[in-house]
Amino acid sequence: GDGDFNDPEDLTQGEQNTARDFEYRKI
C-alpha cells in the first residue's frame, strides 16, 4: 500500500494474469 508497484512483494500484472490463467485451467 505504498502507492507504487515496484516493491518485491508487489504483484505485477503478468503475475496476476498467470495466476488467473492457472485458476481457469484448474476448472
PDB file of all heavy atoms in Angstrom:
ATOM      1  N   GLY A   1       0.778  -1.233   0.000  1.00  0.00           N
ATOM      2  CA  GLY A   1       0.000   0.000   0.000  1.00  0.00           C
ATOM      3  C   GLY A   1       0.803   1.274   0.000  1.00  0.00           C
ATOM      4  O   GLY A   1       0.318   2.316   0.467  1.00  0.00           O
ATOM      5  N   ASP A   2       2.017   1.228  -0.579  1.00  0.00           N
ATOM      6  CA  ASP A   2       2.841   2.444  -0.585  1.00  0.00           C
ATOM      7  C   ASP A   2       2.629   3.299  -1.823  1.00  0.00           C
ATOM      8  O   ASP A   2       3.327   4.294  -2.023  1.00  0.00           O
ATOM      9  CB  ASP A   2       4.321   2.081  -0.439  1.00  0.00           C
ATOM     10  CG  ASP A   2       4.846   1.236  -1.604  1.00  0.00           C
ATOM     11  OD1 ASP A   2       4.027   0.885  -2.497  1.00  0.00           O
ATOM     12  OD2 ASP A   2       6.054   0.926  -1.628  1.00  0.00           O
ATOM     13  N   GLY A   3       1.686   2.926  -2.664  1.00  0.00           N
ATOM     14  CA  GLY A   3       1.358   3.758  -3.816  1.00  0.00           C
ATOM     15  C   GLY A   3       2.094   3.417  -5.082  1.00  0.00           C
ATOM     16  O   GLY A   3       1.877   4.056  -6.113  1.00  0.00           O
ATOM     17  N   ASP A   4       3.022   2.453  -5.047  1.00  0.00           N
ATOM     18  CA  ASP A   4       3.687   2.031  -6.283  1.00  0.00           C
ATOM     19  C   ASP A   4       3.668   0.514  -6.363  1.00  0.00           C
ATOM     20  O   ASP A   4       3.263  -0.174  -5.437  1.00  0.00           O
ATOM     21  CB  ASP A   4       5.122   2.571  -6.358  1.00  0.00           C
ATOM     22  CG  ASP A   4       6.017   2.019  -5.253  1.00  0.00           C
ATOM     23  OD1 ASP A   4       6.112   0.782  -5.117  1.00  0.00           O
ATOM     24  OD2 ASP A   4       6.614   2.828  -4.492  1.00  0.00           O
ATOM     25  N   PHE A   5       4.115  -0.004  -7.529  1.00  0.00           N
ATOM     26  CA  PHE A   5       4.090  -1.445  -7.767  1.00  0.00           C
ATOM     27  C   PHE A   5       5.499  -1.975  -8.005  1.00  0.00           C
ATOM     28  O   PHE A   5       5.691  -2.963  -8.713  1.00  0.00           O
ATOM     29  CB  PHE A   5       3.204  -1.766  -8.978  1.00  0.00           C
ATOM     30  CG  PHE A   5       1.796  -1.232  -8.864  1.00  0.00           C
ATOM     31  CD1 PHE A   5       1.448  -0.021  -9.450  1.00  0.00           C
ATOM     32  CD2 PHE A   5       0.840  -1.929  -8.161  1.00  0.00           C
ATOM     33  CE1 PHE A   5       0.163   0.469  -9.346  1.00  0.00           C
ATOM     34  CE2 PHE A   5      -0.452  -1.447  -8.051  1.00  0.00           C
ATOM     35  CZ  PHE A   5      -0.797  -0.241  -8.639  1.00  0.00           C
ATOM     36  N   ASN A   6       6.490  -1.321  -7.416  1.00  0.00           N
ATOM     37  CA  ASN A   6       7.881  -1.651  -7.700  1.00  0.00           C
ATOM     38  C   ASN A   6       8.540  -2.474  -6.609  1.00  0.00           C
ATOM     39  O   ASN A   6       9.702  -2.859  -6.738  1.00  0.00           O
ATOM     40  CB  ASN A   6       8.694  -0.365  -7.914  1.00  0.00           C
ATOM     41  CG  ASN A   6       8.146   0.470  -9.060  1.00  0.00           C
ATOM     42  OD1 ASN A   6       7.743  -0.075 -10.083  1.00  0.00           O
ATOM     43  ND2 ASN A   6       8.126   1.796  -8.885  1.00  0.00           N
ATOM     44  N   ASP A   7       7.838  -2.711  -5.501  1.00  0.00           N
ATOM     45  CA  ASP A   7       8.443  -3.460  -4.402  1.00  0.00           C
ATOM     46  C   ASP A   7       8.444  -4.955  -4.702  1.00  0.00           C
ATOM     47  O   ASP A   7       7.583  -5.453  -5.436  1.00  0.00           O
ATOM     48  CB  ASP A   7       7.674  -3.198  -3.107  1.00  0.00           C
ATOM     49  CG  ASP A   7       7.644  -1.710  -2.765  1.00  0.00           C
ATOM     50  OD1 ASP A   7       8.727  -1.103  -2.713  1.00  0.00           O
ATOM     51  OD2 ASP A   7       6.535  -1.163  -2.580  1.00  0.00           O
ATOM     52  N   PRO A   8       9.401  -5.689  -4.138  1.00  0.00           N
ATOM     53  CA  PRO A   8       9.498  -7.130  -4.430  1.00  0.00           C
ATOM     54  C   PRO A   8       8.232  -7.901  -4.094  1.00  0.00           C
ATOM     55  O   PRO A   8       7.895  -8.884  -4.770  1.00  0.00           O
ATOM     56  CB  PRO A   8      10.675  -7.585  -3.552  1.00  0.00           C
ATOM     57  CG  PRO A   8      11.483  -6.352  -3.352  1.00  0.00           C
ATOM     58  CD  PRO A   8      10.506  -5.211  -3.294  1.00  0.00           C
ATOM     59  N   GLU A   9       7.530  -7.469  -3.036  1.00  0.00           N
ATOM     60  CA  GLU A   9       6.330  -8.205  -2.645  1.00  0.00           C
ATOM     61  C   GLU A   9       5.106  -7.858  -3.486  1.00  0.00           C
ATOM     62  O   GLU A   9       4.076  -8.538  -3.420  1.00  0.00           O
ATOM     63  CB  GLU A   9       6.002  -7.962  -1.167  1.00  0.00           C
ATOM     64  CG  GLU A   9       5.677  -6.519  -0.812  1.00  0.00           C
ATOM     65  CD  GLU A   9       6.919  -5.732  -0.416  1.00  0.00           C
ATOM     66  OE1 GLU A   9       8.033  -6.127  -0.838  1.00  0.00           O
ATOM     67  OE2 GLU A   9       6.776  -4.747   0.317  1.00  0.00           O
ATOM     68  N   ASP A  10       5.165  -6.769  -4.264  1.00  0.00           N
ATOM     69  CA  ASP A  10       4.041  -6.395  -5.118  1.00  0.00           C
ATOM     70  C   ASP A  10       3.869  -7.420  -6.240  1.00  0.00           C
ATOM     71  O   ASP A  10       4.829  -8.057  -6.689  1.00  0.00           O
ATOM     72  CB  ASP A  10       4.260  -5.008  -5.719  1.00  0.00           C
ATOM     73  CG  ASP A  10       4.181  -3.909  -4.676  1.00  0.00           C
ATOM     74  OD1 ASP A  10       3.595  -4.167  -3.604  1.00  0.00           O
ATOM     75  OD2 ASP A  10       4.713  -2.810  -4.929  1.00  0.00           O
ATOM     76  N   LEU A  11       2.640  -7.555  -6.699  1.00  0.00           N
ATOM     77  CA  LEU A  11       2.317  -8.498  -7.772  1.00  0.00           C
ATOM     78  C   LEU A  11       2.124  -7.738  -9.075  1.00  0.00           C
ATOM     79  O   LEU A  11       1.289  -6.829  -9.156  1.00  0.00           O
ATOM     80  CB  LEU A  11       1.050  -9.286  -7.433  1.00  0.00           C
ATOM     81  CG  LEU A  11       1.106 -10.132  -6.154  1.00  0.00           C
ATOM     82  CD1 LEU A  11      -0.252 -10.790  -5.887  1.00  0.00           C
ATOM     83  CD2 LEU A  11       2.195 -11.190  -6.261  1.00  0.00           C
ATOM     84  N   THR A  12       2.904  -8.108 -10.079  1.00  0.00           N
ATOM     85  CA  THR A  12       2.793  -7.448 -11.376  1.00  0.00           C
ATOM     86  C   THR A  12       1.550  -7.943 -12.113  1.00  0.00           C
ATOM     87  O   THR A  12       0.940  -8.959 -11.737  1.00  0.00           O
ATOM     88  CB  THR A  12       4.033  -7.720 -12.239  1.00  0.00           C
ATOM     89  OG1 THR A  12       4.070  -9.121 -12.556  1.00  0.00           O
ATOM     90  CG2 THR A  12       5.309  -7.338 -11.494  1.00  0.00           C
ATOM     91  N   GLN A  13       1.197  -7.216 -13.174  1.00  0.00           N
ATOM     92  CA  GLN A  13       0.059  -7.640 -13.980  1.00  0.00           C
ATOM     93  C   GLN A  13       0.314  -9.015 -14.592  1.00  0.00           C
ATOM     94  O   GLN A  13      -0.593  -9.851 -14.670  1.00  0.00           O
ATOM     95  CB  GLN A  13      -0.232  -6.618 -15.071  1.00  0.00           C
ATOM     96  CG  GLN A  13      -1.475  -6.947 -15.893  1.00  0.00           C
ATOM     97  CD  GLN A  13      -1.814  -5.871 -16.903  1.00  0.00           C
ATOM     98  OE1 GLN A  13      -0.979  -5.036 -17.240  1.00  0.00           O
ATOM     99  NE2 GLN A  13      -3.044  -5.874 -17.381  1.00  0.00           N
ATOM    100  N   GLY A  14       1.548  -9.263 -15.027  1.00  0.00           N
ATOM    101  CA  GLY A  14       1.880 -10.563 -15.601  1.00  0.00           C
ATOM    102  C   GLY A  14       1.713 -11.690 -14.593  1.00  0.00           C
ATOM    103  O   GLY A  14       1.196 -12.761 -14.926  1.00  0.00           O
ATOM    104  N   GLU A  15       2.146 -11.457 -13.354  1.00  0.00           N
ATOM    105  CA  GLU A  15       1.981 -12.477 -12.323  1.00  0.00           C
ATOM    106  C   GLU A  15       0.511 -12.717 -12.015  1.00  0.00           C
ATOM    107  O   GLU A  15       0.075 -13.856 -11.798  1.00  0.00           O
ATOM    108  CB  GLU A  15       2.724 -12.047 -11.055  1.00  0.00           C
ATOM    109  CG  GLU A  15       4.249 -12.060 -11.201  1.00  0.00           C
ATOM    110  CD  GLU A  15       4.937 -11.445 -10.000  1.00  0.00           C
ATOM    111  OE1 GLU A  15       4.332 -10.549  -9.350  1.00  0.00           O
ATOM    112  OE2 GLU A  15       6.080 -11.840  -9.723  1.00  0.00           O
ATOM    113  N   GLN A  16      -0.265 -11.661 -11.993  1.00  0.00           N
ATOM    114  CA  GLN A  16      -1.686 -11.798 -11.748  1.00  0.00           C
ATOM    115  C   GLN A  16      -2.385 -12.567 -12.877  1.00  0.00           C
ATOM    116  O   GLN A  16      -3.249 -13.420 -12.635  1.00  0.00           O
ATOM    117  CB  GLN A  16      -2.327 -10.411 -11.603  1.00  0.00           C
ATOM    118  CG  GLN A  16      -2.021  -9.727 -10.280  1.00  0.00           C
ATOM    119  CD  GLN A  16      -2.808 -10.358  -9.151  1.00  0.00           C
ATOM    120  OE1 GLN A  16      -2.400 -11.374  -8.587  1.00  0.00           O
ATOM    121  NE2 GLN A  16      -3.934  -9.761  -8.809  1.00  0.00           N
ATOM    122  N   ASN A  17      -2.010 -12.255 -14.117  1.00  0.00           N
ATOM    123  CA  ASN A  17      -2.606 -12.962 -15.247  1.00  0.00           C
ATOM    124  C   ASN A  17      -2.228 -14.443 -15.239  1.00  0.00           C
ATOM    125  O   ASN A  17      -3.035 -15.312 -15.578  1.00  0.00           O
ATOM    126  CB  ASN A  17      -2.180 -12.323 -16.561  1.00  0.00           C
ATOM    127  CG  ASN A  17      -2.872 -11.001 -16.816  1.00  0.00           C
ATOM    128  OD1 ASN A  17      -3.965 -10.754 -16.320  1.00  0.00           O
ATOM    129  ND2 ASN A  17      -2.230 -10.136 -17.579  1.00  0.00           N
ATOM    130  N   THR A  18      -0.973 -14.731 -14.855  1.00  0.00           N
ATOM    131  CA  THR A  18      -0.537 -16.123 -14.759  1.00  0.00           C
ATOM    132  C   THR A  18      -1.351 -16.874 -13.715  1.00  0.00           C
ATOM    133  O   THR A  18      -1.786 -18.007 -13.938  1.00  0.00           O
ATOM    134  CB  THR A  18       0.960 -16.196 -14.425  1.00  0.00           C
ATOM    135  OG1 THR A  18       1.707 -15.564 -15.465  1.00  0.00           O
ATOM    136  CG2 THR A  18       1.409 -17.644 -14.286  1.00  0.00           C
ATOM    137  N   ALA A  19      -1.571 -16.236 -12.567  1.00  0.00           N
ATOM    138  CA  ALA A  19      -2.364 -16.859 -11.508  1.00  0.00           C
ATOM    139  C   ALA A  19      -3.809 -17.068 -11.955  1.00  0.00           C
ATOM    140  O   ALA A  19      -4.425 -18.098 -11.665  1.00  0.00           O
ATOM    141  CB  ALA A  19      -2.311 -16.004 -10.246  1.00  0.00           C
ATOM    142  N   ARG A  20      -4.354 -16.095 -12.665  1.00  0.00           N
ATOM    143  CA  ARG A  20      -5.732 -16.216 -13.134  1.00  0.00           C
ATOM    144  C   ARG A  20      -5.853 -17.325 -14.176  1.00  0.00           C
ATOM    145  O   ARG A  20      -6.824 -18.085 -14.172  1.00  0.00           O
ATOM    146  CB  ARG A  20      -6.199 -14.873 -13.711  1.00  0.00           C
ATOM    147  CG  ARG A  20      -7.625 -14.868 -14.212  1.00  0.00           C
ATOM    148  CD  ARG A  20      -8.164 -13.469 -14.330  1.00  0.00           C
ATOM    149  NE  ARG A  20      -8.348 -12.852 -13.027  1.00  0.00           N
ATOM    150  CZ  ARG A  20      -8.899 -11.659 -12.824  1.00  0.00           C
ATOM    151  NH1 ARG A  20      -9.330 -10.958 -13.859  1.00  0.00           N
ATOM    152  NH2 ARG A  20      -9.026 -11.169 -11.619  1.00  0.00           N
ATOM    153  N   ASP A  21      -4.863 -17.416 -15.065  1.00  0.00           N
ATOM    154  CA  ASP A  21      -4.872 -18.489 -16.060  1.00  0.00           C
ATOM    155  C   ASP A  21      -4.741 -19.848 -15.382  1.00  0.00           C
ATOM    156  O   ASP A  21      -5.362 -20.831 -15.812  1.00  0.00           O
ATOM    157  CB  ASP A  21      -3.726 -18.277 -17.054  1.00  0.00           C
ATOM    158  CG  ASP A  21      -3.740 -19.296 -18.178  1.00  0.00           C
ATOM    159  OD1 ASP A  21      -4.738 -19.345 -18.915  1.00  0.00           O
ATOM    160  OD2 ASP A  21      -2.752 -20.041 -18.318  1.00  0.00           O
ATOM    161  N   PHE A  22      -3.947 -19.898 -14.312  1.00  0.00           N
ATOM    162  CA  PHE A  22      -3.778 -21.128 -13.548  1.00  0.00           C
ATOM    163  C   PHE A  22      -5.121 -21.580 -12.971  1.00  0.00           C
ATOM    164  O   PHE A  22      -5.481 -22.762 -13.033  1.00  0.00           O
ATOM    165  CB  PHE A  22      -2.757 -20.894 -12.430  1.00  0.00           C
ATOM    166  CG  PHE A  22      -2.495 -22.100 -11.572  1.00  0.00           C
ATOM    167  CD1 PHE A  22      -1.593 -23.075 -11.960  1.00  0.00           C
ATOM    168  CD2 PHE A  22      -3.157 -22.261 -10.360  1.00  0.00           C
ATOM    169  CE1 PHE A  22      -1.362 -24.185 -11.159  1.00  0.00           C
ATOM    170  CE2 PHE A  22      -2.928 -23.362  -9.555  1.00  0.00           C
ATOM    171  CZ  PHE A  22      -2.027 -24.330  -9.959  1.00  0.00           C
ATOM    172  N   GLU A  23      -5.874 -20.645 -12.409  1.00  0.00           N
ATOM    173  CA  GLU A  23      -7.173 -20.973 -11.827  1.00  0.00           C
ATOM    174  C   GLU A  23      -8.164 -21.402 -12.911  1.00  0.00           C
ATOM    175  O   GLU A  23      -8.977 -22.314 -12.703  1.00  0.00           O
ATOM    176  CB  GLU A  23      -7.730 -19.771 -11.062  1.00  0.00           C
ATOM    177  CG  GLU A  23      -6.949 -19.424  -9.811  1.00  0.00           C
ATOM    178  CD  GLU A  23      -6.938 -20.563  -8.798  1.00  0.00           C
ATOM    179  OE1 GLU A  23      -8.005 -21.206  -8.621  1.00  0.00           O
ATOM    180  OE2 GLU A  23      -5.875 -20.824  -8.207  1.00  0.00           O
ATOM    181  N   TYR A  24      -8.102 -20.754 -14.077  1.00  0.00           N
ATOM    182  CA  TYR A  24      -9.002 -21.116 -15.176  1.00  0.00           C
ATOM    183  C   TYR A  24      -8.738 -22.538 -15.641  1.00  0.00           C
ATOM    184  O   TYR A  24      -9.663 -23.320 -15.880  1.00  0.00           O
ATOM    185  CB  TYR A  24      -8.829 -20.127 -16.330  1.00  0.00           C
ATOM    186  CG  TYR A  24      -9.734 -20.380 -17.513  1.00  0.00           C
ATOM    187  CD1 TYR A  24     -11.050 -19.931 -17.531  1.00  0.00           C
ATOM    188  CD2 TYR A  24      -9.271 -21.071 -18.635  1.00  0.00           C
ATOM    189  CE1 TYR A  24     -11.895 -20.153 -18.610  1.00  0.00           C
ATOM    190  CE2 TYR A  24     -10.096 -21.303 -19.722  1.00  0.00           C
ATOM    191  CZ  TYR A  24     -11.405 -20.840 -19.704  1.00  0.00           C
ATOM    192  OH  TYR A  24     -12.227 -21.081 -20.780  1.00  0.00           O
ATOM    193  N   ARG A  25      -7.472 -22.889 -15.769  1.00  0.00           N
ATOM    194  CA  ARG A  25      -7.129 -24.219 -16.262  1.00  0.00           C
ATOM    195  C   ARG A  25      -7.436 -25.314 -15.243  1.00  0.00           C
ATOM    196  O   ARG A  25      -7.534 -26.485 -15.604  1.00  0.00           O
ATOM    197  CB  ARG A  25      -5.656 -24.269 -16.668  1.00  0.00           C
ATOM    198  CG  ARG A  25      -5.352 -23.484 -17.936  1.00  0.00           C
ATOM    199  CD  ARG A  25      -3.895 -23.606 -18.350  1.00  0.00           C
ATOM    200  NE  ARG A  25      -3.655 -22.936 -19.622  1.00  0.00           N
ATOM    201  CZ  ARG A  25      -3.810 -23.519 -20.811  1.00  0.00           C
ATOM    202  NH1 ARG A  25      -4.200 -24.769 -20.880  1.00  0.00           N
ATOM    203  NH2 ARG A  25      -3.561 -22.853 -21.921  1.00  0.00           N
ATOM    204  N   LYS A  26      -7.586 -24.953 -13.993  1.00  0.00           N
ATOM    205  CA  LYS A  26      -7.922 -25.940 -12.966  1.00  0.00           C
ATOM    206  C   LYS A  26      -9.401 -26.308 -12.991  1.00  0.00           C
ATOM    207  O   LYS A  26      -9.807 -27.280 -12.355  1.00  0.00           O
ATOM    208  CB  LYS A  26      -7.555 -25.397 -11.577  1.00  0.00           C
ATOM    209  CG  LYS A  26      -6.061 -25.441 -11.284  1.00  0.00           C
ATOM    210  CD  LYS A  26      -5.741 -24.725  -9.984  1.00  0.00           C
ATOM    211  CE  LYS A  26      -6.499 -25.293  -8.799  1.00  0.00           C
ATOM    212  NZ  LYS A  26      -6.141 -24.594  -7.534  1.00  0.00           N
ATOM    213  N   ILE A  27     -10.227 -25.544 -13.701  1.00  0.00           N
ATOM    214  CA  ILE A  27     -11.658 -25.838 -13.755  1.00  0.00           C
ATOM    215  C   ILE A  27     -11.875 -27.169 -14.480  1.00  0.00           C
ATOM    216  O   ILE A  27     -11.372 -27.382 -15.579  1.00  0.00           O
ATOM    217  CB  ILE A  27     -12.432 -24.727 -14.486  1.00  0.00           C
ATOM    218  CG1 ILE A  27     -12.255 -23.389 -13.763  1.00  0.00           C
ATOM    219  CG2 ILE A  27     -13.912 -25.060 -14.582  1.00  0.00           C
ATOM    220  CD1 ILE A  27     -12.834 -22.212 -14.519  1.00  0.00           C
TER     221      ILE A  27
END
